[in-house]
Amino acid sequence: MKTSVNNLESLVKCPICNKKYGQTKILVLEEEENQTTLHLTCESCENSSLVFISSGKLGIVSLGMLTDLTREEVKGIFKSEAISSDQVIEVHRYLKDFKGGTSEFI
């Protein structure tokens, strides 16, 4: 969803302190035809949120959640390669056969 960050600035408020997000604290992570993913950091209280915005036949829907990820951390996650089904199976097999405790696992 090709959304102008300037249009979002007046609509999005921090869920903690209810202040509007400043444009400099909005990071567009992904932008597609019908969806946009943002990382927002409140200039007032410094809490961060991930916001997912989608548009469809019934209008625009958004979902936000608080996060402790910094701008740099979330950039790295969104640029990284997706986990494959083979990797999930490999971890499952490892954990299934693992005989140690939590401290040995870590």
PDB file of N, CA and C in Angstrom:
ATOM      1  N   MET A   1       0.857  -1.162   0.000  1.00  0.00           N
ATOM      2  CA  MET A   1       0.000   0.000   0.000  1.00  0.00           C
ATOM      3  C   MET A   1       0.901   1.221   0.000  1.00  0.00           C
ATOM      4  N   LYS A   2       0.986   1.890  -1.077  1.00  0.00           N
ATOM      5  CA  LYS A   2       1.843   3.059  -1.198  1.00  0.00           C
ATOM      6  C   LYS A   2       1.209   4.207  -0.411  1.00  0.00           C
ATOM      7  N   THR A   3       1.630   4.339   0.833  1.00  0.00           N
ATOM      8  CA  THR A   3       1.072   5.320   1.744  1.00  0.00           C
ATOM      9  C   THR A   3       2.089   6.411   2.024  1.00  0.00           C
ATOM     10  N   SER A   4       1.646   7.640   1.989  1.00  0.00           N
ATOM     11  CA  SER A   4       2.533   8.736   2.332  1.00  0.00           C
ATOM     12  C   SER A   4       2.688   8.811   3.843  1.00  0.00           C
ATOM     13  N   VAL A   5       3.927   8.831   4.301  1.00  0.00           N
ATOM     14  CA  VAL A   5       4.188   8.953   5.738  1.00  0.00           C
ATOM     15  C   VAL A   5       3.591  10.249   6.263  1.00  0.00           C
ATOM     16  N   ASN A   6       3.580  11.281   5.463  1.00  0.00           N
ATOM     17  CA  ASN A   6       3.002  12.562   5.883  1.00  0.00           C
ATOM     18  C   ASN A   6       1.517  12.418   6.201  1.00  0.00           C
ATOM     19  N   ASN A   7       0.787  11.585   5.467  1.00  0.00           N
ATOM     20  CA  ASN A   7      -0.632  11.358   5.732  1.00  0.00           C
ATOM     21  C   ASN A   7      -0.850  10.609   7.036  1.00  0.00           C
ATOM     22  N   LEU A   8       0.073   9.728   7.391  1.00  0.00           N
ATOM     23  CA  LEU A   8      -0.064   8.927   8.608  1.00  0.00           C
ATOM     24  C   LEU A   8       0.267   9.713   9.865  1.00  0.00           C
ATOM     25  N   GLU A   9       1.144  10.683   9.733  1.00  0.00           N
ATOM     26  CA  GLU A   9       1.639  11.406  10.907  1.00  0.00           C
ATOM     27  C   GLU A   9       0.514  11.993  11.748  1.00  0.00           C
ATOM     28  N   SER A  10      -0.503  12.544  11.112  1.00  0.00           N
ATOM     29  CA  SER A  10      -1.580  13.186  11.862  1.00  0.00           C
ATOM     30  C   SER A  10      -2.567  12.182  12.439  1.00  0.00           C
ATOM     31  N   LEU A  11      -2.497  10.927  11.986  1.00  0.00           N
ATOM     32  CA  LEU A  11      -3.454   9.917  12.435  1.00  0.00           C
ATOM     33  C   LEU A  11      -2.938   9.016  13.539  1.00  0.00           C
ATOM     34  N   VAL A  12      -1.634   8.821  13.608  1.00  0.00           N
ATOM     35  CA  VAL A  12      -1.061   7.819  14.503  1.00  0.00           C
ATOM     36  C   VAL A  12      -0.583   8.450  15.799  1.00  0.00           C
ATOM     37  N   LYS A  13      -1.041   7.882  16.911  1.00  0.00           N
ATOM     38  CA  LYS A  13      -0.646   8.368  18.236  1.00  0.00           C
ATOM     39  C   LYS A  13      -0.018   7.243  19.035  1.00  0.00           C
ATOM     40  N   CYS A  14       0.840   7.611  19.945  1.00  0.00           N
ATOM     41  CA  CYS A  14       1.496   6.651  20.829  1.00  0.00           C
ATOM     42  C   CYS A  14       0.449   6.001  21.743  1.00  0.00           C
ATOM     43  N   PRO A  15       0.450   4.665  21.851  1.00  0.00           N
ATOM     44  CA  PRO A  15      -0.510   3.999  22.724  1.00  0.00           C
ATOM     45  C   PRO A  15      -0.216   4.193  24.214  1.00  0.00           C
ATOM     46  N   ILE A  16       0.977   4.652  24.546  1.00  0.00           N
ATOM     47  CA  ILE A  16       1.348   4.846  25.945  1.00  0.00           C
ATOM     48  C   ILE A  16       0.998   6.249  26.436  1.00  0.00           C
ATOM     49  N   CYS A  17       1.484   7.271  25.729  1.00  0.00           N
ATOM     50  CA  CYS A  17       1.276   8.650  26.206  1.00  0.00           C
ATOM     51  C   CYS A  17       0.288   9.459  25.356  1.00  0.00           C
ATOM     52  N   ASN A  18      -0.213   8.860  24.280  1.00  0.00           N
ATOM     53  CA  ASN A  18      -1.230   9.461  23.419  1.00  0.00           C
ATOM     54  C   ASN A  18      -0.740  10.687  22.628  1.00  0.00           C
ATOM     55  N   LYS A  19       0.569  10.879  22.531  1.00  0.00           N
ATOM     56  CA  LYS A  19       1.118  11.984  21.727  1.00  0.00           C
ATOM     57  C   LYS A  19       1.244  11.521  20.279  1.00  0.00           C
ATOM     58  N   LYS A  20       1.132  12.471  19.348  1.00  0.00           N
ATOM     59  CA  LYS A  20       1.304  12.142  17.938  1.00  0.00           C
ATOM     60  C   LYS A  20       2.765  11.843  17.646  1.00  0.00           C
ATOM     61  N   TYR A  21       2.987  10.861  16.771  1.00  0.00           N
ATOM     62  CA  TYR A  21       4.341  10.526  16.369  1.00  0.00           C
ATOM     63  C   TYR A  21       4.879  11.612  15.447  1.00  0.00           C
ATOM     64  N   GLY A  22       6.136  11.985  15.635  1.00  0.00           N
ATOM     65  CA  GLY A  22       6.786  12.922  14.736  1.00  0.00           C
ATOM     66  C   GLY A  22       7.255  12.196  13.489  1.00  0.00           C
ATOM     67  N   GLN A  23       7.300  12.885  12.376  1.00  0.00           N
ATOM     68  CA  GLN A  23       7.665  12.265  11.106  1.00  0.00           C
ATOM     69  C   GLN A  23       9.067  11.655  11.147  1.00  0.00           C
ATOM     70  N   THR A  24       9.976  12.233  11.916  1.00  0.00           N
ATOM     71  CA  THR A  24      11.344  11.725  11.969  1.00  0.00           C
ATOM     72  C   THR A  24      11.435  10.388  12.701  1.00  0.00           C
ATOM     73  N   LYS A  25      10.417  10.009  13.450  1.00  0.00           N
ATOM     74  CA  LYS A  25      10.431   8.762  14.208  1.00  0.00           C
ATOM     75  C   LYS A  25       9.593   7.670  13.554  1.00  0.00           C
ATOM     76  N   ILE A  26       9.206   7.863  12.282  1.00  0.00           N
ATOM     77  CA  ILE A  26       8.450   6.860  11.545  1.00  0.00           C
ATOM     78  C   ILE A  26       9.386   6.221  10.526  1.00  0.00           C
ATOM     79  N   LEU A  27       9.540   4.901  10.605  1.00  0.00           N
ATOM     80  CA  LEU A  27      10.396   4.169   9.683  1.00  0.00           C
ATOM     81  C   LEU A  27       9.536   3.197   8.877  1.00  0.00           C
ATOM     82  N   VAL A  28       9.524   3.347   7.555  1.00  0.00           N
ATOM     83  CA  VAL A  28       8.799   2.422   6.682  1.00  0.00           C
ATOM     84  C   VAL A  28       9.686   1.200   6.465  1.00  0.00           C
ATOM     85  N   LEU A  29       9.209   0.037   6.911  1.00  0.00           N
ATOM     86  CA  LEU A  29       9.976  -1.202   6.812  1.00  0.00           C
ATOM     87  C   LEU A  29       9.687  -1.959   5.522  1.00  0.00           C
ATOM     88  N   GLU A  30       8.424  -2.045   5.174  1.00  0.00           N
ATOM     89  CA  GLU A  30       7.994  -2.707   3.946  1.00  0.00           C
ATOM     90  C   GLU A  30       6.814  -1.944   3.389  1.00  0.00           C
ATOM     91  N   GLU A  31       6.774  -1.883   2.061  1.00  0.00           N
ATOM     92  CA  GLU A  31       5.672  -1.183   1.420  1.00  0.00           C
ATOM     93  C   GLU A  31       5.317  -1.927   0.141  1.00  0.00           C
ATOM     94  N   GLU A  32       4.109  -2.428   0.103  1.00  0.00           N
ATOM     95  CA  GLU A  32       3.604  -3.131  -1.064  1.00  0.00           C
ATOM     96  C   GLU A  32       2.324  -2.453  -1.514  1.00  0.00           C
ATOM     97  N   GLU A  33       1.695  -3.007  -2.539  1.00  0.00           N
ATOM     98  CA  GLU A  33       0.516  -2.364  -3.107  1.00  0.00           C
ATOM     99  C   GLU A  33      -0.610  -2.177  -2.089  1.00  0.00           C
ATOM    100  N   ASN A  34      -0.883  -3.205  -1.281  1.00  0.00           N
ATOM    101  CA  ASN A  34      -2.007  -3.147  -0.344  1.00  0.00           C
ATOM    102  C   ASN A  34      -1.619  -3.199   1.123  1.00  0.00           C
ATOM    103  N   GLN A  35      -0.329  -3.116   1.422  1.00  0.00           N
ATOM    104  CA  GLN A  35       0.062  -3.176   2.827  1.00  0.00           C
ATOM    105  C   GLN A  35       1.375  -2.438   3.072  1.00  0.00           C
ATOM    106  N   THR A  36       1.457  -1.895   4.272  1.00  0.00           N
ATOM    107  CA  THR A  36       2.653  -1.179   4.698  1.00  0.00           C
ATOM    108  C   THR A  36       2.969  -1.591   6.124  1.00  0.00           C
ATOM    109  N   THR A  37       4.257  -1.744   6.431  1.00  0.00           N
ATOM    110  CA  THR A  37       4.711  -2.073   7.785  1.00  0.00           C
ATOM    111  C   THR A  37       5.613  -0.941   8.256  1.00  0.00           C
ATOM    112  N   LEU A  38       5.335  -0.433   9.462  1.00  0.00           N
ATOM    113  CA  LEU A  38       6.061   0.706  10.016  1.00  0.00           C
ATOM    114  C   LEU A  38       6.641   0.379  11.388  1.00  0.00           C
ATOM    115  N   HIS A  39       7.748   1.032  11.714  1.00  0.00           N
ATOM    116  CA  HIS A  39       8.284   1.031  13.077  1.00  0.00           C
ATOM    117  C   HIS A  39       8.181   2.479  13.535  1.00  0.00           C
ATOM    118  N   LEU A  40       7.520   2.688  14.661  1.00  0.00           N
ATOM    119  CA  LEU A  40       7.293   4.036  15.184  1.00  0.00           C
ATOM    120  C   LEU A  40       7.924   4.173  16.558  1.00  0.00           C
ATOM    121  N   THR A  41       8.586   5.289  16.797  1.00  0.00           N
ATOM    122  CA  THR A  41       9.146   5.574  18.114  1.00  0.00           C
ATOM    123  C   THR A  41       8.597   6.913  18.579  1.00  0.00           C
ATOM    124  N   CYS A  42       8.021   6.932  19.760  1.00  0.00           N
ATOM    125  CA  CYS A  42       7.450   8.153  20.323  1.00  0.00           C
ATOM    126  C   CYS A  42       8.570   9.087  20.767  1.00  0.00           C
ATOM    127  N   GLU A  43       8.528  10.322  20.306  1.00  0.00           N
ATOM    128  CA  GLU A  43       9.536  11.311  20.701  1.00  0.00           C
ATOM    129  C   GLU A  43       9.380  11.720  22.161  1.00  0.00           C
ATOM    130  N   SER A  44       8.184  11.548  22.700  1.00  0.00           N
ATOM    131  CA  SER A  44       7.921  11.969  24.071  1.00  0.00           C
ATOM    132  C   SER A  44       8.353  10.918  25.098  1.00  0.00           C
ATOM    133  N   CYS A  45       7.844   9.679  24.960  1.00  0.00           N
ATOM    134  CA  CYS A  45       8.127   8.653  25.972  1.00  0.00           C
ATOM    135  C   CYS A  45       9.132   7.602  25.494  1.00  0.00           C
ATOM    136  N   GLU A  46       9.556   7.657  24.238  1.00  0.00           N
ATOM    137  CA  GLU A  46      10.569   6.767  23.648  1.00  0.00           C
ATOM    138  C   GLU A  46      10.140   5.307  23.512  1.00  0.00           C
ATOM    139  N   ASN A  47       8.828   4.989  23.661  1.00  0.00           N
ATOM    140  CA  ASN A  47       8.346   3.633  23.419  1.00  0.00           C
ATOM    141  C   ASN A  47       8.176   3.424  21.922  1.00  0.00           C
ATOM    142  N   SER A  48       8.340   2.177  21.471  1.00  0.00           N
ATOM    143  CA  SER A  48       8.260   1.868  20.047  1.00  0.00           C
ATOM    144  C   SER A  48       7.129   0.890  19.758  1.00  0.00           C
ATOM    145  N   SER A  49       6.615   0.977  18.530  1.00  0.00           N
ATOM    146  CA  SER A  49       5.539   0.095  18.073  1.00  0.00           C
ATOM    147  C   SER A  49       5.824  -0.368  16.658  1.00  0.00           C
ATOM    148  N   LEU A  50       5.342  -1.554  16.346  1.00  0.00           N
ATOM    149  CA  LEU A  50       5.281  -2.021  14.969  1.00  0.00           C
ATOM    150  C   LEU A  50       3.835  -1.878  14.536  1.00  0.00           C
ATOM    151  N   VAL A  51       3.605  -1.297  13.369  1.00  0.00           N
ATOM    152  CA  VAL A  51       2.250  -1.071  12.875  1.00  0.00           C
ATOM    153  C   VAL A  51       2.142  -1.678  11.480  1.00  0.00           C
ATOM    154  N   PHE A  52       1.095  -2.472  11.287  1.00  0.00           N
ATOM    155  CA  PHE A  52       0.812  -3.113  10.008  1.00  0.00           C
ATOM    156  C   PHE A  52      -0.481  -2.512   9.474  1.00  0.00           C
ATOM    157  N   ILE A  53      -0.432  -1.945   8.280  1.00  0.00           N
ATOM    158  CA  ILE A  53      -1.586  -1.296   7.682  1.00  0.00           C
ATOM    159  C   ILE A  53      -1.902  -2.007   6.371  1.00  0.00           C
ATOM    160  N   SER A  54      -3.169  -2.412   6.199  1.00  0.00           N
ATOM    161  CA  SER A  54      -3.604  -3.087   4.982  1.00  0.00           C
ATOM    162  C   SER A  54      -4.858  -2.409   4.455  1.00  0.00           C
ATOM    163  N   SER A  55      -4.986  -2.391   3.139  1.00  0.00           N
ATOM    164  CA  SER A  55      -6.212  -1.872   2.537  1.00  0.00           C
ATOM    165  C   SER A  55      -6.865  -2.979   1.733  1.00  0.00           C
ATOM    166  N   GLY A  56      -8.178  -3.023   1.801  1.00  0.00           N
ATOM    167  CA  GLY A  56      -8.941  -4.037   1.088  1.00  0.00           C
ATOM    168  C   GLY A  56     -10.262  -3.470   0.628  1.00  0.00           C
ATOM    169  N   LYS A  57     -11.164  -4.342   0.244  1.00  0.00           N
ATOM    170  CA  LYS A  57     -12.471  -3.925  -0.265  1.00  0.00           C
ATOM    171  C   LYS A  57     -13.297  -3.181   0.778  1.00  0.00           C
ATOM    172  N   LEU A  58     -13.074  -3.503   2.052  1.00  0.00           N
ATOM    173  CA  LEU A  58     -13.869  -2.898   3.123  1.00  0.00           C
ATOM    174  C   LEU A  58     -13.205  -1.684   3.758  1.00  0.00           C
ATOM    175  N   GLY A  59     -12.046  -1.289   3.273  1.00  0.00           N
ATOM    176  CA  GLY A  59     -11.368  -0.109   3.808  1.00  0.00           C
ATOM    177  C   GLY A  59      -9.971  -0.425   4.300  1.00  0.00           C
ATOM    178  N   ILE A  60      -9.482   0.435   5.180  1.00  0.00           N
ATOM    179  CA  ILE A  60      -8.130   0.303   5.709  1.00  0.00           C
ATOM    180  C   ILE A  60      -8.193  -0.276   7.115  1.00  0.00           C
ATOM    181  N   VAL A  61      -7.319  -1.257   7.371  1.00  0.00           N
ATOM    182  CA  VAL A  61      -7.241  -1.909   8.672  1.00  0.00           C
ATOM    183  C   VAL A  61      -5.811  -1.762   9.169  1.00  0.00           C
ATOM    184  N   SER A  62      -5.663  -1.480  10.455  1.00  0.00           N
ATOM    185  CA  SER A  62      -4.318  -1.397  11.019  1.00  0.00           C
ATOM    186  C   SER A  62      -4.241  -2.227  12.293  1.00  0.00           C
ATOM    187  N   LEU A  63      -3.043  -2.725  12.527  1.00  0.00           N
ATOM    188  CA  LEU A  63      -2.769  -3.494  13.735  1.00  0.00           C
ATOM    189  C   LEU A  63      -1.435  -3.015  14.270  1.00  0.00           C
ATOM    190  N   GLY A  64      -1.410  -2.635  15.526  1.00  0.00           N
ATOM    191  CA  GLY A  64      -0.170  -2.165  16.135  1.00  0.00           C
ATOM    192  C   GLY A  64       0.165  -2.959  17.373  1.00  0.00           C
ATOM    193  N   MET A  65       1.464  -3.059  17.647  1.00  0.00           N
ATOM    194  CA  MET A  65       1.890  -3.740  18.871  1.00  0.00           C
ATOM    195  C   MET A  65       3.159  -3.081  19.383  1.00  0.00           C
ATOM    196  N   LEU A  66       3.253  -2.978  20.696  1.00  0.00           N
ATOM    197  CA  LEU A  66       4.454  -2.422  21.307  1.00  0.00           C
ATOM    198  C   LEU A  66       5.625  -3.367  21.091  1.00  0.00           C
ATOM    199  N   THR A  67       6.812  -2.814  20.989  1.00  0.00           N
ATOM    200  CA  THR A  67       8.006  -3.623  20.799  1.00  0.00           C
ATOM    201  C   THR A  67       9.178  -2.990  21.527  1.00  0.00           C
ATOM    202  N   ASP A  68      10.140  -3.816  21.881  1.00  0.00           N
ATOM    203  CA  ASP A  68      11.368  -3.291  22.463  1.00  0.00           C
ATOM    204  C   ASP A  68      12.483  -3.257  21.424  1.00  0.00           C
ATOM    205  N   LEU A  69      12.164  -3.578  20.177  1.00  0.00           N
ATOM    206  CA  LEU A  69      13.148  -3.530  19.103  1.00  0.00           C
ATOM    207  C   LEU A  69      13.474  -2.088  18.729  1.00  0.00           C
ATOM    208  N   THR A  70      14.754  -1.798  18.589  1.00  0.00           N
ATOM    209  CA  THR A  70      15.171  -0.473  18.130  1.00  0.00           C
ATOM    210  C   THR A  70      15.016  -0.400  16.617  1.00  0.00           C
ATOM    211  N   ARG A  71      15.154   0.801  16.077  1.00  0.00           N
ATOM    212  CA  ARG A  71      15.081   0.982  14.621  1.00  0.00           C
ATOM    213  C   ARG A  71      16.118   0.112  13.909  1.00  0.00           C
ATOM    214  N   GLU A  72      17.328   0.070  14.440  1.00  0.00           N
ATOM    215  CA  GLU A  72      18.401  -0.694  13.816  1.00  0.00           C
ATOM    216  C   GLU A  72      18.114  -2.199  13.869  1.00  0.00           C
ATOM    217  N   GLU A  73      17.621  -2.673  15.014  1.00  0.00           N
ATOM    218  CA  GLU A  73      17.313  -4.099  15.160  1.00  0.00           C
ATOM    219  C   GLU A  73      16.212  -4.525  14.195  1.00  0.00           C
ATOM    220  N   VAL A  74      15.171  -3.735  14.109  1.00  0.00           N
ATOM    221  CA  VAL A  74      14.043  -4.106  13.257  1.00  0.00           C
ATOM    222  C   VAL A  74      14.421  -4.022  11.772  1.00  0.00           C
ATOM    223  N   LYS A  75      15.303  -3.104  11.406  1.00  0.00           N
ATOM    224  CA  LYS A  75      15.798  -3.052  10.019  1.00  0.00           C
ATOM    225  C   LYS A  75      16.500  -4.363   9.671  1.00  0.00           C
ATOM    226  N   GLY A  76      17.331  -4.856  10.585  1.00  0.00           N
ATOM    227  CA  GLY A  76      18.041  -6.103  10.358  1.00  0.00           C
ATOM    228  C   GLY A  76      17.106  -7.288  10.207  1.00  0.00           C
ATOM    229  N   ILE A  77      16.049  -7.316  10.998  1.00  0.00           N
ATOM    230  CA  ILE A  77      15.090  -8.412  10.925  1.00  0.00           C
ATOM    231  C   ILE A  77      14.340  -8.390   9.601  1.00  0.00           C
ATOM    232  N   PHE A  78      13.926  -7.226   9.175  1.00  0.00           N
ATOM    233  CA  PHE A  78      13.142  -7.140   7.949  1.00  0.00           C
ATOM    234  C   PHE A  78      13.994  -7.322   6.697  1.00  0.00           C
ATOM    235  N   LYS A  79      15.287  -7.128   6.795  1.00  0.00           N
ATOM    236  CA  LYS A  79      16.169  -7.355   5.650  1.00  0.00           C
ATOM    237  C   LYS A  79      16.665  -8.797   5.597  1.00  0.00           C
ATOM    238  N   SER A  80      16.493  -9.536   6.689  1.00  0.00           N
ATOM    239  CA  SER A  80      17.026 -10.887   6.737  1.00  0.00           C
ATOM    240  C   SER A  80      16.158 -11.860   5.938  1.00  0.00           C
ATOM    241  N   GLU A  81      16.738 -12.998   5.651  1.00  0.00           N
ATOM    242  CA  GLU A  81      16.065 -14.032   4.887  1.00  0.00           C
ATOM    243  C   GLU A  81      15.011 -14.717   5.753  1.00  0.00           C
ATOM    244  N   ALA A  82      13.894 -15.075   5.151  1.00  0.00           N
ATOM    245  CA  ALA A  82      12.821 -15.756   5.876  1.00  0.00           C
ATOM    246  C   ALA A  82      13.272 -17.154   6.288  1.00  0.00           C
ATOM    247  N   ILE A  83      12.714 -17.653   7.385  1.00  0.00           N
ATOM    248  CA  ILE A  83      13.016 -19.001   7.859  1.00  0.00           C
ATOM    249  C   ILE A  83      12.318 -19.999   6.946  1.00  0.00           C
ATOM    250  N   SER A  84      13.049 -20.993   6.497  1.00  0.00           N
ATOM    251  CA  SER A  84      12.479 -21.993   5.593  1.00  0.00           C
ATOM    252  C   SER A  84      11.819 -23.121   6.386  1.00  0.00           C
ATOM    253  N   SER A  85      10.968 -23.875   5.717  1.00  0.00           N
ATOM    254  CA  SER A  85      10.336 -25.026   6.376  1.00  0.00           C
ATOM    255  C   SER A  85      11.380 -26.077   6.748  1.00  0.00           C
ATOM    256  N   ASP A  86      12.440 -26.201   5.953  1.00  0.00           N
ATOM    257  CA  ASP A  86      13.519 -27.136   6.282  1.00  0.00           C
ATOM    258  C   ASP A  86      14.216 -26.746   7.590  1.00  0.00           C
ATOM    259  N   GLN A  87      14.406 -25.448   7.812  1.00  0.00           N
ATOM    260  CA  GLN A  87      15.029 -24.981   9.052  1.00  0.00           C
ATOM    261  C   GLN A  87      14.140 -25.282  10.257  1.00  0.00           C
ATOM    262  N   VAL A  88      12.842 -25.114  10.105  1.00  0.00           N
ATOM    263  CA  VAL A  88      11.905 -25.408  11.190  1.00  0.00           C
ATOM    264  C   VAL A  88      11.948 -26.900  11.527  1.00  0.00           C
ATOM    265  N   ILE A  89      11.973 -27.746  10.524  1.00  0.00           N
ATOM    266  CA  ILE A  89      12.044 -29.191  10.740  1.00  0.00           C
ATOM    267  C   ILE A  89      13.352 -29.565  11.427  1.00  0.00           C
ATOM    268  N   GLU A  90      14.443 -28.941  11.008  1.00  0.00           N
ATOM    269  CA  GLU A  90      15.748 -29.212  11.619  1.00  0.00           C
ATOM    270  C   GLU A  90      15.752 -28.870  13.112  1.00  0.00           C
ATOM    271  N   VAL A  91      15.201 -27.737  13.485  1.00  0.00           N
ATOM    272  CA  VAL A  91      15.125 -27.329  14.894  1.00  0.00           C
ATOM    273  C   VAL A  91      14.222 -28.288  15.661  1.00  0.00           C
ATOM    274  N   HIS A  92      13.102 -28.660  15.064  1.00  0.00           N
ATOM    275  CA  HIS A  92      12.184 -29.601  15.711  1.00  0.00           C
ATOM    276  C   HIS A  92      12.892 -30.921  16.022  1.00  0.00           C
ATOM    277  N   ARG A  93      13.622 -31.452  15.048  1.00  0.00           N
ATOM    278  CA  ARG A  93      14.346 -32.712  15.253  1.00  0.00           C
ATOM    279  C   ARG A  93      15.403 -32.567  16.341  1.00  0.00           C
ATOM    280  N   TYR A  94      16.103 -31.451  16.332  1.00  0.00           N
ATOM    281  CA  TYR A  94      17.130 -31.214  17.349  1.00  0.00           C
ATOM    282  C   TYR A  94      16.506 -31.194  18.744  1.00  0.00           C
ATOM    283  N   LEU A  95      15.416 -30.433  18.904  1.00  0.00           N
ATOM    284  CA  LEU A  95      14.775 -30.326  20.215  1.00  0.00           C
ATOM    285  C   LEU A  95      14.153 -31.649  20.648  1.00  0.00           C
ATOM    286  N   LYS A  96      13.640 -32.408  19.709  1.00  0.00           N
ATOM    287  CA  LYS A  96      13.029 -33.702  20.019  1.00  0.00           C
ATOM    288  C   LYS A  96      14.057 -34.661  20.613  1.00  0.00           C
ATOM    289  N   ASP A  97      15.280 -34.620  20.098  1.00  0.00           N
ATOM    290  CA  ASP A  97      16.332 -35.529  20.556  1.00  0.00           C
ATOM    291  C   ASP A  97      17.202 -34.951  21.671  1.00  0.00           C
ATOM    292  N   PHE A  98      17.009 -33.694  22.015  1.00  0.00           N
ATOM    293  CA  PHE A  98      17.836 -33.030  23.021  1.00  0.00           C
ATOM    294  C   PHE A  98      17.514 -33.584  24.402  1.00  0.00           C
ATOM    295  N   LYS A  99      18.521 -33.994  25.141  1.00  0.00           N
ATOM    296  CA  LYS A  99      18.330 -34.633  26.456  1.00  0.00           C
ATOM    297  C   LYS A  99      18.765 -33.749  27.631  1.00  0.00           C
ATOM    298  N   GLY A 100      19.360 -32.592  27.353  1.00  0.00           N
ATOM    299  CA  GLY A 100      19.858 -31.735  28.421  1.00  0.00           C
ATOM    300  C   GLY A 100      18.801 -30.807  28.997  1.00  0.00           C
ATOM    301  N   GLY A 101      19.242 -29.996  29.938  1.00  0.00           N
ATOM    302  CA  GLY A 101      18.369 -29.005  30.565  1.00  0.00           C
ATOM    303  C   GLY A 101      18.469 -27.656  29.871  1.00  0.00           C
ATOM    304  N   THR A 102      17.783 -26.686  30.436  1.00  0.00           N
ATOM    305  CA  THR A 102      17.729 -25.346  29.843  1.00  0.00           C
ATOM    306  C   THR A 102      19.102 -24.688  29.789  1.00  0.00           C
ATOM    307  N   SER A 103      19.879 -24.777  30.854  1.00  0.00           N
ATOM    308  CA  SER A 103      21.190 -24.123  30.866  1.00  0.00           C
ATOM    309  C   SER A 103      22.121 -24.723  29.815  1.00  0.00           C
ATOM    310  N   GLU A 104      22.014 -26.018  29.587  1.00  0.00           N
ATOM    311  CA  GLU A 104      22.847 -26.658  28.544  1.00  0.00           C
ATOM    312  C   GLU A 104      22.373 -26.259  27.154  1.00  0.00           C
ATOM    313  N   PHE A 105      21.080 -26.066  27.002  1.00  0.00           N
ATOM    314  CA  PHE A 105      20.527 -25.667  25.715  1.00  0.00           C
ATOM    315  C   PHE A 105      21.004 -24.269  25.323  1.00  0.00           C
ATOM    316  N   ILE A 106      20.989 -23.366  26.314  1.00  0.00           N
ATOM    317  CA  ILE A 106      21.390 -21.981  26.052  1.00  0.00           C
ATOM    318  C   ILE A 106      22.875 -21.917  25.850  1.00  0.00           C
TER     319      ILE A 106
END
